[in-house]
């Protein structure tokens, strides 16, 4: 088993290395690829030093079974044919192919079998906020079909990459030291602030990030559900959170929803208001599961359930989900 990581020096690329090692992924060889800026950097995997190779249009991917790509949509589009032409399965973390009809969009807890319908040898990893939400929606959908979703996301700096995380830390340092605040990766200062915009606005007033949640949820769940999202950047460093309202065809009991969530793969129910037990990004960072709490009836909708979730955007929202796709495919060979 030979595996490649494209974009190895980025936040998600580095998480790929950690996840593969922690899960003892059955790879005999790991090959790292990056841009001219990162080529030559060295990283350690299972005690062995690996050097990042320059990503080029050549035959470097011949003999590679899986390529985990996280170098941006432009790079994915440019190099997709180079990566896949010898049979490599490209599991892509960008938005490049997510809505292509001939590319499966996969969250293993929801639609793992879709991974095998990949005529172009490309499998898309969904948007991080979508991944974490649909993992919770799946067990609810089994109780009653979900017809409508409203969601507000509270997305950490990690969603904008490693440099954005460093910028947030620098901003707090600048403020404490009384220096001018560094603002580069975000539209505004993020420290002590929230920014109600992630990605660019579309003609309907929603951002691309918000429309991803609408479109990707339908594709993953094979559903006609409608999702209205408000995506907000907050000043936590790592882990995204979401407040979600769902409407189902028939009313559901809170206890039944809690039981379904508690027994579903990839989820941890952390829901005890009496003891102030609920998920928070401070504690979900570095964890594999999506944590769910504040499950309750929607007092504005008799067929509604609302809940809160939190999960590590770099792990389940990116690297871990992609690795789980490969693990599933290997297990079914």
C-alpha atoms as a PDB file:
ATOM      1  CA  UNK A   1       0.000   0.000   0.000  1.00  0.00           C
ATOM      2  CA  UNK A   2       1.480   3.283  -1.153  1.00  0.00           C
ATOM      3  CA  UNK A   3      -0.067   6.625  -0.164  1.00  0.00           C
ATOM      4  CA  UNK A   4       0.578  10.232  -1.162  1.00  0.00           C
ATOM      5  CA  UNK A   5      -0.251  13.478   0.608  1.00  0.00           C
ATOM      6  CA  UNK A   6      -0.516  16.542  -1.628  1.00  0.00           C
ATOM      7  CA  UNK A   7      -0.231  19.796   0.300  1.00  0.00           C
ATOM      8  CA  UNK A   8       1.780  18.091   3.019  1.00  0.00           C
ATOM      9  CA  UNK A   9       2.996  21.294   4.690  1.00  0.00           C
ATOM     10  CA  UNK A  10      -0.460  22.774   5.312  1.00  0.00           C
ATOM     11  CA  UNK A  11      -2.589  22.371   8.423  1.00  0.00           C
ATOM     12  CA  UNK A  12      -4.649  19.555   6.910  1.00  0.00           C
ATOM     13  CA  UNK A  13      -1.590  17.930   5.307  1.00  0.00           C
ATOM     14  CA  UNK A  14       0.115  17.780   8.684  1.00  0.00           C
ATOM     15  CA  UNK A  15      -3.053  16.351  10.203  1.00  0.00           C
ATOM     16  CA  UNK A  16      -3.066  13.645   7.540  1.00  0.00           C
ATOM     17  CA  UNK A  17       0.338  12.508   8.780  1.00  0.00           C
ATOM     18  CA  UNK A  18      -0.850  12.434  12.403  1.00  0.00           C
ATOM     19  CA  UNK A  19      -4.100  10.620  11.610  1.00  0.00           C
ATOM     20  CA  UNK A  20      -2.416   8.003   9.408  1.00  0.00           C
ATOM     21  CA  UNK A  21       0.126   7.261  12.137  1.00  0.00           C
ATOM     22  CA  UNK A  22      -2.364   7.251  15.010  1.00  0.00           C
ATOM     23  CA  UNK A  23      -4.744   4.897  13.177  1.00  0.00           C
ATOM     24  CA  UNK A  24      -1.925   2.626  12.016  1.00  0.00           C
ATOM     25  CA  UNK A  25      -3.105   3.016   8.435  1.00  0.00           C
ATOM     26  CA  UNK A  26      -1.817   0.071   6.357  1.00  0.00           C
ATOM     27  CA  UNK A  27       0.616   2.104   4.255  1.00  0.00           C
ATOM     28  CA  UNK A  28       3.998   0.647   3.420  1.00  0.00           C
ATOM     29  CA  UNK A  29       5.173   3.930   1.946  1.00  0.00           C
ATOM     30  CA  UNK A  30       4.138   7.592   2.270  1.00  0.00           C
ATOM     31  CA  UNK A  31       5.108  10.143  -0.372  1.00  0.00           C
ATOM     32  CA  UNK A  32       4.737  13.853   0.341  1.00  0.00           C
ATOM     33  CA  UNK A  33       4.117  16.490  -2.326  1.00  0.00           C
ATOM     34  CA  UNK A  34       3.981  20.253  -2.162  1.00  0.00           C
ATOM     35  CA  UNK A  35       4.554  23.534  -3.953  1.00  0.00           C
ATOM     36  CA  UNK A  36       7.926  25.096  -4.739  1.00  0.00           C
ATOM     37  CA  UNK A  37       7.669  26.881  -1.394  1.00  0.00           C
ATOM     38  CA  UNK A  38       7.352  23.672   0.615  1.00  0.00           C
ATOM     39  CA  UNK A  39       9.382  21.250  -1.530  1.00  0.00           C
ATOM     40  CA  UNK A  40      12.423  20.055   0.375  1.00  0.00           C
ATOM     41  CA  UNK A  41      10.879  20.362   3.824  1.00  0.00           C
ATOM     42  CA  UNK A  42      11.210  17.272   5.965  1.00  0.00           C
ATOM     43  CA  UNK A  43       8.671  15.643   8.278  1.00  0.00           C
ATOM     44  CA  UNK A  44       8.801  12.549  10.445  1.00  0.00           C
ATOM     45  CA  UNK A  45       6.388   9.637  10.012  1.00  0.00           C
ATOM     46  CA  UNK A  46       6.718   6.429  12.072  1.00  0.00           C
ATOM     47  CA  UNK A  47      10.227   7.460  13.007  1.00  0.00           C
ATOM     48  CA  UNK A  48      11.310   7.935   9.417  1.00  0.00           C
ATOM     49  CA  UNK A  49      12.183  11.288   7.849  1.00  0.00           C
ATOM     50  CA  UNK A  50      10.203  12.140   4.705  1.00  0.00           C
ATOM     51  CA  UNK A  51      11.083  14.931   2.289  1.00  0.00           C
ATOM     52  CA  UNK A  52       8.413  16.877   0.421  1.00  0.00           C
ATOM     53  CA  UNK A  53       8.681  16.434  -3.342  1.00  0.00           C
ATOM     54  CA  UNK A  54       7.697  19.135  -5.821  1.00  0.00           C
ATOM     55  CA  UNK A  55       4.270  18.443  -7.324  1.00  0.00           C
ATOM     56  CA  UNK A  56       4.760  18.171 -11.079  1.00  0.00           C
ATOM     57  CA  UNK A  57       3.064  16.855 -14.199  1.00  0.00           C
ATOM     58  CA  UNK A  58       4.953  13.574 -14.492  1.00  0.00           C
ATOM     59  CA  UNK A  59       4.576   9.911 -13.488  1.00  0.00           C
ATOM     60  CA  UNK A  60       5.308  10.322  -9.755  1.00  0.00           C
ATOM     61  CA  UNK A  61       1.883   8.909  -8.874  1.00  0.00           C
ATOM     62  CA  UNK A  62       2.394   5.632 -10.709  1.00  0.00           C
ATOM     63  CA  UNK A  63       2.007   2.828  -8.161  1.00  0.00           C
ATOM     64  CA  UNK A  64       0.327   5.029  -5.559  1.00  0.00           C
ATOM     65  CA  UNK A  65      -2.965   3.597  -4.268  1.00  0.00           C
ATOM     66  CA  UNK A  66      -4.468   6.657  -2.564  1.00  0.00           C
ATOM     67  CA  UNK A  67      -3.610  10.344  -2.838  1.00  0.00           C
ATOM     68  CA  UNK A  68      -4.977  12.636  -0.143  1.00  0.00           C
ATOM     69  CA  UNK A  69      -5.037  16.114  -1.684  1.00  0.00           C
ATOM     70  CA  UNK A  70      -5.385  19.314   0.296  1.00  0.00           C
ATOM     71  CA  UNK A  71      -3.696  22.068  -1.674  1.00  0.00           C
ATOM     72  CA  UNK A  72      -6.675  24.133  -2.818  1.00  0.00           C
ATOM     73  CA  UNK A  73      -9.256  23.786  -5.591  1.00  0.00           C
ATOM     74  CA  UNK A  74      -6.996  25.274  -8.262  1.00  0.00           C
ATOM     75  CA  UNK A  75      -4.235  22.756  -7.644  1.00  0.00           C
ATOM     76  CA  UNK A  76      -6.707  19.871  -7.472  1.00  0.00           C
ATOM     77  CA  UNK A  77      -8.226  20.796 -10.828  1.00  0.00           C
ATOM     78  CA  UNK A  78      -4.840  21.274 -12.455  1.00  0.00           C
ATOM     79  CA  UNK A  79      -3.308  18.015 -11.234  1.00  0.00           C
ATOM     80  CA  UNK A  80      -6.314  15.668 -11.068  1.00  0.00           C
ATOM     81  CA  UNK A  81      -5.514  13.906 -14.329  1.00  0.00           C
ATOM     82  CA  UNK A  82      -1.817  13.635 -13.443  1.00  0.00           C
ATOM     83  CA  UNK A  83      -2.683  12.095 -10.083  1.00  0.00           C
ATOM     84  CA  UNK A  84      -5.322   9.633 -11.309  1.00  0.00           C
ATOM     85  CA  UNK A  85      -4.078   8.567 -14.745  1.00  0.00           C
ATOM     86  CA  UNK A  86      -2.320   5.436 -13.456  1.00  0.00           C
ATOM     87  CA  UNK A  87      -5.250   4.328 -11.265  1.00  0.00           C
ATOM     88  CA  UNK A  88      -4.554   6.259  -8.073  1.00  0.00           C
ATOM     89  CA  UNK A  89      -7.701   7.068  -6.087  1.00  0.00           C
ATOM     90  CA  UNK A  90      -7.650  10.803  -5.385  1.00  0.00           C
ATOM     91  CA  UNK A  91      -9.508  11.758  -2.194  1.00  0.00           C
ATOM     92  CA  UNK A  92      -9.758  15.507  -2.531  1.00  0.00           C
ATOM     93  CA  UNK A  93     -10.293  17.903   0.330  1.00  0.00           C
ATOM     94  CA  UNK A  94     -11.018  20.972  -1.816  1.00  0.00           C
ATOM     95  CA  UNK A  95     -14.281  22.222  -3.304  1.00  0.00           C
ATOM     96  CA  UNK A  96     -13.114  21.469  -6.863  1.00  0.00           C
ATOM     97  CA  UNK A  97     -15.237  18.397  -7.608  1.00  0.00           C
ATOM     98  CA  UNK A  98     -17.819  18.170  -4.837  1.00  0.00           C
ATOM     99  CA  UNK A  99     -20.868  18.848  -6.959  1.00  0.00           C
ATOM    100  CA  UNK A 100     -19.715  17.024 -10.090  1.00  0.00           C
ATOM    101  CA  UNK A 101     -22.235  14.287 -10.898  1.00  0.00           C
ATOM    102  CA  UNK A 102     -19.523  11.720 -11.607  1.00  0.00           C
ATOM    103  CA  UNK A 103     -17.627  12.387  -8.367  1.00  0.00           C
ATOM    104  CA  UNK A 104     -18.991  10.903  -5.113  1.00  0.00           C
ATOM    105  CA  UNK A 105     -19.171  13.176  -2.085  1.00  0.00           C
ATOM    106  CA  UNK A 106     -18.596  10.910   0.885  1.00  0.00           C
ATOM    107  CA  UNK A 107     -18.982  10.897   4.653  1.00  0.00           C
ATOM    108  CA  UNK A 108     -18.420   7.254   5.686  1.00  0.00           C
ATOM    109  CA  UNK A 109     -21.005   7.289   8.492  1.00  0.00           C
ATOM    110  CA  UNK A 110     -23.634   8.417   5.968  1.00  0.00           C
ATOM    111  CA  UNK A 111     -22.896   7.113   2.463  1.00  0.00           C
ATOM    112  CA  UNK A 112     -19.678   5.083   2.482  1.00  0.00           C
ATOM    113  CA  UNK A 113     -20.816   2.866  -0.389  1.00  0.00           C
ATOM    114  CA  UNK A 114     -20.890   5.874  -2.737  1.00  0.00           C
ATOM    115  CA  UNK A 115     -17.080   5.821  -2.710  1.00  0.00           C
ATOM    116  CA  UNK A 116     -17.026   2.903  -5.142  1.00  0.00           C
ATOM    117  CA  UNK A 117     -18.961   4.839  -7.783  1.00  0.00           C
ATOM    118  CA  UNK A 118     -15.976   6.958  -8.852  1.00  0.00           C
ATOM    119  CA  UNK A 119     -15.450   6.641 -12.612  1.00  0.00           C
ATOM    120  CA  UNK A 120     -12.830   9.393 -12.615  1.00  0.00           C
ATOM    121  CA  UNK A 121     -10.924   7.884  -9.652  1.00  0.00           C
ATOM    122  CA  UNK A 122     -11.812  11.033  -7.708  1.00  0.00           C
ATOM    123  CA  UNK A 123     -13.705  11.088  -4.405  1.00  0.00           C
ATOM    124  CA  UNK A 124     -14.585  14.433  -2.848  1.00  0.00           C
ATOM    125  CA  UNK A 125     -14.318  15.210   0.846  1.00  0.00           C
ATOM    126  CA  UNK A 126     -17.209  17.529   1.798  1.00  0.00           C
ATOM    127  CA  UNK A 127     -16.988  20.932   3.407  1.00  0.00           C
ATOM    128  CA  UNK A 128     -16.051  20.710   7.089  1.00  0.00           C
ATOM    129  CA  UNK A 129     -19.288  22.203   8.440  1.00  0.00           C
ATOM    130  CA  UNK A 130     -21.353  19.895   6.252  1.00  0.00           C
ATOM    131  CA  UNK A 131     -19.442  16.803   7.359  1.00  0.00           C
ATOM    132  CA  UNK A 132     -20.044  17.410  11.042  1.00  0.00           C
ATOM    133  CA  UNK A 133     -23.704  18.251  10.578  1.00  0.00           C
ATOM    134  CA  UNK A 134     -24.634  15.280   8.362  1.00  0.00           C
ATOM    135  CA  UNK A 135     -23.022  12.799  10.764  1.00  0.00           C
ATOM    136  CA  UNK A 136     -25.649  13.947  13.290  1.00  0.00           C
ATOM    137  CA  UNK A 137     -28.459  14.165  10.753  1.00  0.00           C
ATOM    138  CA  UNK A 138     -28.058  10.562   9.613  1.00  0.00           C
ATOM    139  CA  UNK A 139     -29.417   8.865  12.775  1.00  0.00           C
ATOM    140  CA  UNK A 140     -32.232  11.450  12.975  1.00  0.00           C
ATOM    141  CA  UNK A 141     -33.127  10.801   9.329  1.00  0.00           C
ATOM    142  CA  UNK A 142     -33.601   7.125  10.222  1.00  0.00           C
ATOM    143  CA  UNK A 143     -36.257   8.130  12.765  1.00  0.00           C
ATOM    144  CA  UNK A 144     -38.137  10.444  10.399  1.00  0.00           C
ATOM    145  CA  UNK A 145     -37.296  12.126   7.110  1.00  0.00           C
ATOM    146  CA  UNK A 146     -35.769  15.575   7.610  1.00  0.00           C
ATOM    147  CA  UNK A 147     -37.467  18.154   5.404  1.00  0.00           C
ATOM    148  CA  UNK A 148     -35.844  21.407   6.509  1.00  0.00           C
ATOM    149  CA  UNK A 149     -32.690  22.549   8.308  1.00  0.00           C
ATOM    150  CA  UNK A 150     -31.651  25.887   9.748  1.00  0.00           C
ATOM    151  CA  UNK A 151     -28.078  26.111  10.970  1.00  0.00           C
ATOM    152  CA  UNK A 152     -25.752  28.757  12.371  1.00  0.00           C
ATOM    153  CA  UNK A 153     -22.090  27.759  12.334  1.00  0.00           C
ATOM    154  CA  UNK A 154     -19.416  29.105  14.668  1.00  0.00           C
ATOM    155  CA  UNK A 155     -16.210  28.383  12.791  1.00  0.00           C
ATOM    156  CA  UNK A 156     -12.739  28.619  14.284  1.00  0.00           C
ATOM    157  CA  UNK A 157      -9.629  30.139  12.751  1.00  0.00           C
ATOM    158  CA  UNK A 158      -8.444  26.659  11.785  1.00  0.00           C
ATOM    159  CA  UNK A 159     -10.949  26.634   8.938  1.00  0.00           C
ATOM    160  CA  UNK A 160      -8.861  29.251   7.151  1.00  0.00           C
ATOM    161  CA  UNK A 161      -5.628  27.260   7.485  1.00  0.00           C
ATOM    162  CA  UNK A 162      -2.434  27.148   9.515  1.00  0.00           C
ATOM    163  CA  UNK A 163      -1.449  30.751   8.769  1.00  0.00           C
ATOM    164  CA  UNK A 164      -4.868  31.975   9.899  1.00  0.00           C
ATOM    165  CA  UNK A 165      -4.415  30.191  13.224  1.00  0.00           C
ATOM    166  CA  UNK A 166      -1.040  31.886  13.647  1.00  0.00           C
ATOM    167  CA  UNK A 167      -2.599  35.230  12.759  1.00  0.00           C
ATOM    168  CA  UNK A 168      -5.260  34.887  15.463  1.00  0.00           C
ATOM    169  CA  UNK A 169      -2.585  34.108  18.051  1.00  0.00           C
ATOM    170  CA  UNK A 170      -0.539  37.068  16.828  1.00  0.00           C
ATOM    171  CA  UNK A 171      -3.556  39.371  17.064  1.00  0.00           C
ATOM    172  CA  UNK A 172      -4.061  38.575  20.735  1.00  0.00           C
ATOM    173  CA  UNK A 173      -0.348  39.116  21.322  1.00  0.00           C
ATOM    174  CA  UNK A 174      -0.455  42.450  19.486  1.00  0.00           C
ATOM    175  CA  UNK A 175      -3.412  43.597  21.589  1.00  0.00           C
ATOM    176  CA  UNK A 176      -1.766  42.612  24.877  1.00  0.00           C
ATOM    177  CA  UNK A 177       1.443  44.384  23.874  1.00  0.00           C
ATOM    178  CA  UNK A 178      -0.378  47.480  22.633  1.00  0.00           C
ATOM    179  CA  UNK A 179       0.842  47.064  19.052  1.00  0.00           C
ATOM    180  CA  UNK A 180      -1.100  47.556  15.780  1.00  0.00           C
ATOM    181  CA  UNK A 181      -3.101  44.420  15.100  1.00  0.00           C
ATOM    182  CA  UNK A 182      -1.994  42.234  12.192  1.00  0.00           C
ATOM    183  CA  UNK A 183      -4.877  41.618   9.737  1.00  0.00           C
ATOM    184  CA  UNK A 184      -4.133  39.584   6.622  1.00  0.00           C
ATOM    185  CA  UNK A 185      -5.967  36.247   6.442  1.00  0.00           C
ATOM    186  CA  UNK A 186      -9.313  37.644   7.590  1.00  0.00           C
ATOM    187  CA  UNK A 187     -11.341  40.603   6.362  1.00  0.00           C
ATOM    188  CA  UNK A 188     -11.234  42.123   9.852  1.00  0.00           C
ATOM    189  CA  UNK A 189      -9.540  41.603  13.179  1.00  0.00           C
ATOM    190  CA  UNK A 190     -10.808  38.267  14.486  1.00  0.00           C
ATOM    191  CA  UNK A 191      -9.503  38.529  18.059  1.00  0.00           C
ATOM    192  CA  UNK A 192     -12.329  39.675  20.378  1.00  0.00           C
ATOM    193  CA  UNK A 193     -14.624  39.641  17.358  1.00  0.00           C
ATOM    194  CA  UNK A 194     -16.919  37.510  15.174  1.00  0.00           C
ATOM    195  CA  UNK A 195     -17.122  37.928  11.398  1.00  0.00           C
ATOM    196  CA  UNK A 196     -20.472  36.983   9.763  1.00  0.00           C
ATOM    197  CA  UNK A 197     -18.887  36.019   6.473  1.00  0.00           C
ATOM    198  CA  UNK A 198     -16.998  32.901   5.358  1.00  0.00           C
ATOM    199  CA  UNK A 199     -16.082  32.771   1.658  1.00  0.00           C
ATOM    200  CA  UNK A 200     -17.496  35.215  -0.901  1.00  0.00           C
ATOM    201  CA  UNK A 201     -21.112  36.285  -1.284  1.00  0.00           C
ATOM    202  CA  UNK A 202     -23.290  34.881  -4.061  1.00  0.00           C
ATOM    203  CA  UNK A 203     -26.150  36.635  -5.877  1.00  0.00           C
ATOM    204  CA  UNK A 204     -28.757  35.393  -3.387  1.00  0.00           C
ATOM    205  CA  UNK A 205     -27.013  37.019  -0.405  1.00  0.00           C
ATOM    206  CA  UNK A 206     -25.643  33.736   0.940  1.00  0.00           C
ATOM    207  CA  UNK A 207     -21.925  33.028   0.944  1.00  0.00           C
ATOM    208  CA  UNK A 208     -20.400  30.114  -0.953  1.00  0.00           C
ATOM    209  CA  UNK A 209     -19.790  28.412   2.406  1.00  0.00           C
ATOM    210  CA  UNK A 210     -23.483  28.643   3.235  1.00  0.00           C
ATOM    211  CA  UNK A 211     -24.554  27.341  -0.164  1.00  0.00           C
ATOM    212  CA  UNK A 212     -22.142  24.426   0.210  1.00  0.00           C
ATOM    213  CA  UNK A 213     -24.153  23.314   3.229  1.00  0.00           C
ATOM    214  CA  UNK A 214     -27.369  23.456   1.186  1.00  0.00           C
ATOM    215  CA  UNK A 215     -26.056  21.568  -1.844  1.00  0.00           C
ATOM    216  CA  UNK A 216     -23.672  19.097  -0.208  1.00  0.00           C
ATOM    217  CA  UNK A 217     -26.172  17.931   2.428  1.00  0.00           C
ATOM    218  CA  UNK A 218     -28.633  16.936  -0.292  1.00  0.00           C
ATOM    219  CA  UNK A 219     -25.994  15.030  -2.259  1.00  0.00           C
ATOM    220  CA  UNK A 220     -24.562  13.151   0.740  1.00  0.00           C
ATOM    221  CA  UNK A 221     -27.931  12.153   2.199  1.00  0.00           C
ATOM    222  CA  UNK A 222     -29.565  11.552  -1.215  1.00  0.00           C
ATOM    223  CA  UNK A 223     -32.315  13.816   0.032  1.00  0.00           C
ATOM    224  CA  UNK A 224     -34.548  16.699  -1.023  1.00  0.00           C
ATOM    225  CA  UNK A 225     -33.923  18.443   2.322  1.00  0.00           C
ATOM    226  CA  UNK A 226     -33.503  22.220   2.283  1.00  0.00           C
ATOM    227  CA  UNK A 227     -30.810  23.822   4.437  1.00  0.00           C
ATOM    228  CA  UNK A 228     -30.555  27.514   5.273  1.00  0.00           C
ATOM    229  CA  UNK A 229     -27.193  28.391   6.819  1.00  0.00           C
ATOM    230  CA  UNK A 230     -25.499  31.375   8.449  1.00  0.00           C
ATOM    231  CA  UNK A 231     -21.738  30.772   8.681  1.00  0.00           C
ATOM    232  CA  UNK A 232     -19.736  32.868  11.130  1.00  0.00           C
ATOM    233  CA  UNK A 233     -16.023  33.015  11.907  1.00  0.00           C
ATOM    234  CA  UNK A 234     -15.309  33.176  15.642  1.00  0.00           C
ATOM    235  CA  UNK A 235     -12.133  33.672  17.629  1.00  0.00           C
ATOM    236  CA  UNK A 236     -11.635  30.111  18.832  1.00  0.00           C
ATOM    237  CA  UNK A 237      -8.450  28.547  17.515  1.00  0.00           C
ATOM    238  CA  UNK A 238      -9.580  25.054  16.592  1.00  0.00           C
ATOM    239  CA  UNK A 239     -12.877  23.126  16.284  1.00  0.00           C
ATOM    240  CA  UNK A 240     -16.086  24.343  14.704  1.00  0.00           C
ATOM    241  CA  UNK A 241     -19.479  24.419  16.406  1.00  0.00           C
ATOM    242  CA  UNK A 242     -23.011  24.595  15.020  1.00  0.00           C
ATOM    243  CA  UNK A 243     -26.488  25.338  16.294  1.00  0.00           C
ATOM    244  CA  UNK A 244     -28.903  23.261  14.238  1.00  0.00           C
ATOM    245  CA  UNK A 245     -32.691  23.247  13.897  1.00  0.00           C
ATOM    246  CA  UNK A 246     -34.265  20.372  11.954  1.00  0.00           C
ATOM    247  CA  UNK A 247     -37.869  19.795  10.924  1.00  0.00           C
ATOM    248  CA  UNK A 248     -38.971  16.201  10.394  1.00  0.00           C
ATOM    249  CA  UNK A 249     -42.026  14.720   8.704  1.00  0.00           C
ATOM    250  CA  UNK A 250     -43.350  13.477  12.033  1.00  0.00           C
ATOM    251  CA  UNK A 251     -42.694  14.812  15.530  1.00  0.00           C
ATOM    252  CA  UNK A 252     -39.890  13.118  17.444  1.00  0.00           C
ATOM    253  CA  UNK A 253     -39.314  12.643  21.152  1.00  0.00           C
ATOM    254  CA  UNK A 254     -36.124  14.105  22.584  1.00  0.00           C
ATOM    255  CA  UNK A 255     -35.225  10.847  24.312  1.00  0.00           C
ATOM    256  CA  UNK A 256     -35.465   8.945  21.024  1.00  0.00           C
ATOM    257  CA  UNK A 257     -33.230  11.461  19.275  1.00  0.00           C
ATOM    258  CA  UNK A 258     -30.699  11.350  22.104  1.00  0.00           C
ATOM    259  CA  UNK A 259     -30.663   7.552  22.018  1.00  0.00           C
ATOM    260  CA  UNK A 260     -30.160   7.523  18.244  1.00  0.00           C
ATOM    261  CA  UNK A 261     -27.273  10.002  18.477  1.00  0.00           C
ATOM    262  CA  UNK A 262     -25.618   8.157  21.380  1.00  0.00           C
ATOM    263  CA  UNK A 263     -25.592   4.867  19.466  1.00  0.00           C
ATOM    264  CA  UNK A 264     -24.522   6.263  16.078  1.00  0.00           C
ATOM    265  CA  UNK A 265     -20.936   5.869  14.793  1.00  0.00           C
ATOM    266  CA  UNK A 266     -18.704   8.918  15.025  1.00  0.00           C
ATOM    267  CA  UNK A 267     -20.856  10.708  17.603  1.00  0.00           C
ATOM    268  CA  UNK A 268     -20.630  11.355  21.330  1.00  0.00           C
ATOM    269  CA  UNK A 269     -23.710  12.565  23.205  1.00  0.00           C
ATOM    270  CA  UNK A 270     -22.662  15.110  25.815  1.00  0.00           C
ATOM    271  CA  UNK A 271     -25.997  16.415  27.000  1.00  0.00           C
ATOM    272  CA  UNK A 272     -26.744  17.134  30.645  1.00  0.00           C
ATOM    273  CA  UNK A 273     -27.869  20.751  31.182  1.00  0.00           C
ATOM    274  CA  UNK A 274     -28.241  20.195  34.933  1.00  0.00           C
ATOM    275  CA  UNK A 275     -24.481  19.750  35.261  1.00  0.00           C
ATOM    276  CA  UNK A 276     -23.616  22.226  32.465  1.00  0.00           C
ATOM    277  CA  UNK A 277     -22.474  19.361  30.276  1.00  0.00           C
ATOM    278  CA  UNK A 278     -22.403  20.291  26.592  1.00  0.00           C
ATOM    279  CA  UNK A 279     -19.770  20.308  23.826  1.00  0.00           C
ATOM    280  CA  UNK A 280     -17.345  23.219  23.457  1.00  0.00           C
ATOM    281  CA  UNK A 281     -14.477  23.777  21.006  1.00  0.00           C
ATOM    282  CA  UNK A 282     -12.060  24.157  23.904  1.00  0.00           C
ATOM    283  CA  UNK A 283     -12.502  20.448  24.614  1.00  0.00           C
ATOM    284  CA  UNK A 284     -13.341  18.936  21.193  1.00  0.00           C
ATOM    285  CA  UNK A 285     -10.071  20.010  19.556  1.00  0.00           C
ATOM    286  CA  UNK A 286      -7.889  17.017  18.730  1.00  0.00           C
ATOM    287  CA  UNK A 287     -10.808  14.575  19.091  1.00  0.00           C
ATOM    288  CA  UNK A 288     -12.121  12.308  16.334  1.00  0.00           C
ATOM    289  CA  UNK A 289     -15.817  12.326  17.209  1.00  0.00           C
ATOM    290  CA  UNK A 290     -18.468  14.967  16.682  1.00  0.00           C
ATOM    291  CA  UNK A 291     -19.895  15.911  20.084  1.00  0.00           C
ATOM    292  CA  UNK A 292     -23.607  16.701  20.438  1.00  0.00           C
ATOM    293  CA  UNK A 293     -25.597  18.355  23.218  1.00  0.00           C
ATOM    294  CA  UNK A 294     -28.500  20.715  24.017  1.00  0.00           C
ATOM    295  CA  UNK A 295     -30.927  18.335  22.275  1.00  0.00           C
ATOM    296  CA  UNK A 296     -34.444  19.657  22.763  1.00  0.00           C
ATOM    297  CA  UNK A 297     -37.808  20.226  21.130  1.00  0.00           C
ATOM    298  CA  UNK A 298     -38.091  23.301  18.941  1.00  0.00           C
ATOM    299  CA  UNK A 299     -40.657  25.463  20.727  1.00  0.00           C
ATOM    300  CA  UNK A 300     -41.395  27.261  17.442  1.00  0.00           C
ATOM    301  CA  UNK A 301     -42.100  24.094  15.456  1.00  0.00           C
ATOM    302  CA  UNK A 302     -44.036  21.052  16.638  1.00  0.00           C
ATOM    303  CA  UNK A 303     -42.082  18.838  14.222  1.00  0.00           C
ATOM    304  CA  UNK A 304     -38.779  20.432  15.125  1.00  0.00           C
ATOM    305  CA  UNK A 305     -35.706  19.288  17.045  1.00  0.00           C
ATOM    306  CA  UNK A 306     -32.742  21.520  17.803  1.00  0.00           C
ATOM    307  CA  UNK A 307     -29.242  20.646  18.995  1.00  0.00           C
ATOM    308  CA  UNK A 308     -25.688  21.922  19.355  1.00  0.00           C
ATOM    309  CA  UNK A 309     -22.573  20.212  18.011  1.00  0.00           C
ATOM    310  CA  UNK A 310     -18.830  20.741  18.132  1.00  0.00           C
ATOM    311  CA  UNK A 311     -16.008  18.938  16.365  1.00  0.00           C
ATOM    312  CA  UNK A 312     -12.446  19.321  15.205  1.00  0.00           C
ATOM    313  CA  UNK A 313     -12.524  20.885  11.755  1.00  0.00           C
ATOM    314  CA  UNK A 314      -9.027  19.663  10.829  1.00  0.00           C
ATOM    315  CA  UNK A 315      -9.723  16.074  11.916  1.00  0.00           C
ATOM    316  CA  UNK A 316     -13.296  14.927  11.238  1.00  0.00           C
ATOM    317  CA  UNK A 317     -13.928  18.026   9.165  1.00  0.00           C
ATOM    318  CA  UNK A 318     -11.020  17.218   6.844  1.00  0.00           C
ATOM    319  CA  UNK A 319      -8.157  14.726   7.288  1.00  0.00           C
ATOM    320  CA  UNK A 320      -9.897  12.053   9.354  1.00  0.00           C
ATOM    321  CA  UNK A 321     -12.925  11.876   7.070  1.00  0.00           C
ATOM    322  CA  UNK A 322     -10.684  11.361   4.033  1.00  0.00           C
ATOM    323  CA  UNK A 323      -8.667   8.639   5.770  1.00  0.00           C
ATOM    324  CA  UNK A 324     -11.883   6.898   6.847  1.00  0.00           C
ATOM    325  CA  UNK A 325     -12.987   6.819   3.198  1.00  0.00           C
ATOM    326  CA  UNK A 326      -9.770   5.031   2.238  1.00  0.00           C
ATOM    327  CA  UNK A 327     -10.080   2.661   5.207  1.00  0.00           C
ATOM    328  CA  UNK A 328     -13.602   1.734   4.132  1.00  0.00           C
ATOM    329  CA  UNK A 329     -12.520   1.050   0.571  1.00  0.00           C
ATOM    330  CA  UNK A 330      -9.611  -1.111   1.754  1.00  0.00           C
ATOM    331  CA  UNK A 331     -11.911  -3.085   4.070  1.00  0.00           C
ATOM    332  CA  UNK A 332     -14.236  -3.966   1.189  1.00  0.00           C
ATOM    333  CA  UNK A 333     -11.537  -5.147  -1.227  1.00  0.00           C
END
